[in-house]
C-alpha atoms as a PDB file:
ATOM      1  CA  MET A   1      -8.291   3.755  16.735  1.00  0.00           C
ATOM      2  CA  THR A   2      -5.426   4.312  14.279  1.00  0.00           C
ATOM      3  CA  PRO A   3      -5.350   1.816  11.382  1.00  0.00           C
ATOM      4  CA  LEU A   4      -2.225  -0.315  11.012  1.00  0.00           C
ATOM      5  CA  LEU A   5      -2.286   0.424   7.298  1.00  0.00           C
ATOM      6  CA  GLU A   6      -4.157   3.169   5.493  1.00  0.00           C
ATOM      7  CA  MET A   7      -4.197   4.120   1.817  1.00  0.00           C
ATOM      8  CA  ARG A   8      -6.286   6.905   0.314  1.00  0.00           C
ATOM      9  CA  ARG A   9      -6.398   7.444  -3.467  1.00  0.00           C
ATOM     10  CA  VAL A  10      -3.030   5.689  -3.971  1.00  0.00           C
ATOM     11  CA  THR A  11      -1.760   5.139  -7.510  1.00  0.00           C
ATOM     12  CA  VAL A  12       1.203   2.998  -8.589  1.00  0.00           C
ATOM     13  CA  VAL A  13       2.758   3.410 -12.038  1.00  0.00           C
ATOM     14  CA  ARG A  14       4.914   0.599 -13.439  1.00  0.00           C
ATOM     15  CA  GLU A  15       6.597   0.766 -16.838  1.00  0.00           C
ATOM     16  CA  GLY A  16       4.533   3.822 -17.764  1.00  0.00           C
ATOM     17  CA  ARG A  17       1.174   2.160 -16.974  1.00  0.00           C
ATOM     18  CA  ARG A  18      -1.062   2.508 -13.939  1.00  0.00           C
ATOM     19  CA  ALA A  19      -0.855  -0.796 -12.102  1.00  0.00           C
ATOM     20  CA  LEU A  20      -3.085   0.476  -9.289  1.00  0.00           C
ATOM     21  CA  ASP A  21      -5.273   3.558  -9.568  1.00  0.00           C
ATOM     22  CA  GLY A  22      -6.986   5.383  -6.724  1.00  0.00           C
ATOM     23  CA  VAL A  23      -6.827   2.551  -4.167  1.00  0.00           C
ATOM     24  CA  ASP A  24      -8.516   3.093  -0.797  1.00  0.00           C
ATOM     25  CA  LEU A  25      -7.710   0.574   1.934  1.00  0.00           C
ATOM     26  CA  ALA A  26      -7.661   0.641   5.728  1.00  0.00           C
ATOM     27  CA  ILE A  27      -6.699  -2.319   7.909  1.00  0.00           C
ATOM     28  CA  GLY A  28      -7.292  -2.043  11.643  1.00  0.00           C
ATOM     29  CA  PRO A  29      -5.223  -3.658  14.413  1.00  0.00           C
ATOM     30  CA  ASP A  30      -7.654  -6.545  14.977  1.00  0.00           C
ATOM     31  CA  GLU A  31      -8.555  -7.214  11.341  1.00  0.00           C
ATOM     32  CA  ARG A  32      -7.467 -10.084   9.110  1.00  0.00           C
ATOM     33  CA  VAL A  33      -7.428  -9.534   5.352  1.00  0.00           C
ATOM     34  CA  ALA A  34      -7.338 -11.784   2.291  1.00  0.00           C
ATOM     35  CA  ILE A  35      -6.383 -10.407  -1.107  1.00  0.00           C
ATOM     36  CA  LEU A  36      -8.317 -12.088  -3.903  1.00  0.00           C
ATOM     37  CA  GLY A  37      -8.593 -11.304  -7.592  1.00  0.00           C
ATOM     38  CA  ALA A  38      -8.082 -12.427 -11.131  1.00  0.00           C
ATOM     39  CA  ASN A  39      -4.664 -12.703 -12.767  1.00  0.00           C
ATOM     40  CA  GLY A  40      -3.345  -9.244 -13.567  1.00  0.00           C
ATOM     41  CA  SER A  41      -5.681  -7.459 -11.164  1.00  0.00           C
ATOM     42  CA  GLY A  42      -2.871  -5.956  -9.051  1.00  0.00           C
ATOM     43  CA  LYS A  43      -2.576  -8.325  -6.059  1.00  0.00           C
ATOM     44  CA  SER A  44       1.217  -8.601  -6.259  1.00  0.00           C
ATOM     45  CA  THR A  45       1.563  -4.885  -6.905  1.00  0.00           C
ATOM     46  CA  LEU A  46      -0.523  -4.163  -3.793  1.00  0.00           C
ATOM     47  CA  LEU A  47       1.660  -6.451  -1.674  1.00  0.00           C
ATOM     48  CA  LYS A  48       4.835  -4.864  -3.059  1.00  0.00           C
ATOM     49  CA  LEU A  49       3.415  -1.453  -2.216  1.00  0.00           C
ATOM     50  CA  ILE A  50       2.717  -2.560   1.364  1.00  0.00           C
ATOM     51  CA  THR A  51       6.220  -4.040   1.765  1.00  0.00           C
ATOM     52  CA  ARG A  52       7.712  -0.906   0.162  1.00  0.00           C
ATOM     53  CA  GLU A  53       9.231  -2.736  -2.785  1.00  0.00           C
ATOM     54  CA  LEU A  54       7.181  -0.265  -4.850  1.00  0.00           C
ATOM     55  CA  TYR A  55       6.160   3.283  -4.002  1.00  0.00           C
ATOM     56  CA  PRO A  56       3.034   5.318  -4.724  1.00  0.00           C
ATOM     57  CA  HIS A  57       3.124   7.824  -7.552  1.00  0.00           C
ATOM     58  CA  PRO A  58       4.186  11.201  -6.093  1.00  0.00           C
ATOM     59  CA  SER A  59       0.908  12.863  -7.097  1.00  0.00           C
ATOM     60  CA  SER A  60      -1.263  10.168  -5.499  1.00  0.00           C
ATOM     61  CA  GLY A  61      -2.917  10.318  -2.088  1.00  0.00           C
ATOM     62  CA  ALA A  62      -1.880   9.258   1.400  1.00  0.00           C
ATOM     63  CA  PHE A  63      -0.127   6.051   2.451  1.00  0.00           C
ATOM     64  CA  ARG A  64       0.308   5.531   6.197  1.00  0.00           C
ATOM     65  CA  ILE A  65       1.663   2.679   8.281  1.00  0.00           C
ATOM     66  CA  PHE A  66       0.910   2.824  12.012  1.00  0.00           C
ATOM     67  CA  GLY A  67      -0.458   6.328  11.399  1.00  0.00           C
ATOM     68  CA  ARG A  68       2.790   7.714   9.988  1.00  0.00           C
ATOM     69  CA  ASP A  69       3.590   8.896   6.467  1.00  0.00           C
ATOM     70  CA  ARG A  70       7.336   8.258   6.677  1.00  0.00           C
ATOM     71  CA  TRP A  71       9.338   5.407   8.143  1.00  0.00           C
ATOM     72  CA  GLU A  72      12.829   4.096   7.941  1.00  0.00           C
ATOM     73  CA  VAL A  73      12.186   0.905   5.962  1.00  0.00           C
ATOM     74  CA  SER A  74      14.719  -1.185   7.910  1.00  0.00           C
ATOM     75  CA  LYS A  75      12.804  -0.442  11.136  1.00  0.00           C
ATOM     76  CA  LEU A  76       9.542  -1.627   9.584  1.00  0.00           C
ATOM     77  CA  ARG A  77      11.151  -4.815   8.334  1.00  0.00           C
ATOM     78  CA  GLY A  78      12.850  -5.447  11.676  1.00  0.00           C
ATOM     79  CA  THR A  79      16.366  -5.589  10.234  1.00  0.00           C
END
């Protein structure tokens, strides 16, 4: 079954620093997920990456939503 969201070795760089480094995450269609962590651990950055407010570093790994690498953001957001 294709994951709804899949990240492999994803890195996000903000203001010249790695905010996320080498993240692996897969969320299946019937899964529920909670994001927990200490202040500054990257929770907000992860959510912004998922909502496409931030983008992975070009040299990082794969990021797929509904099994696709590329989407028109307005279609994902339903606007």
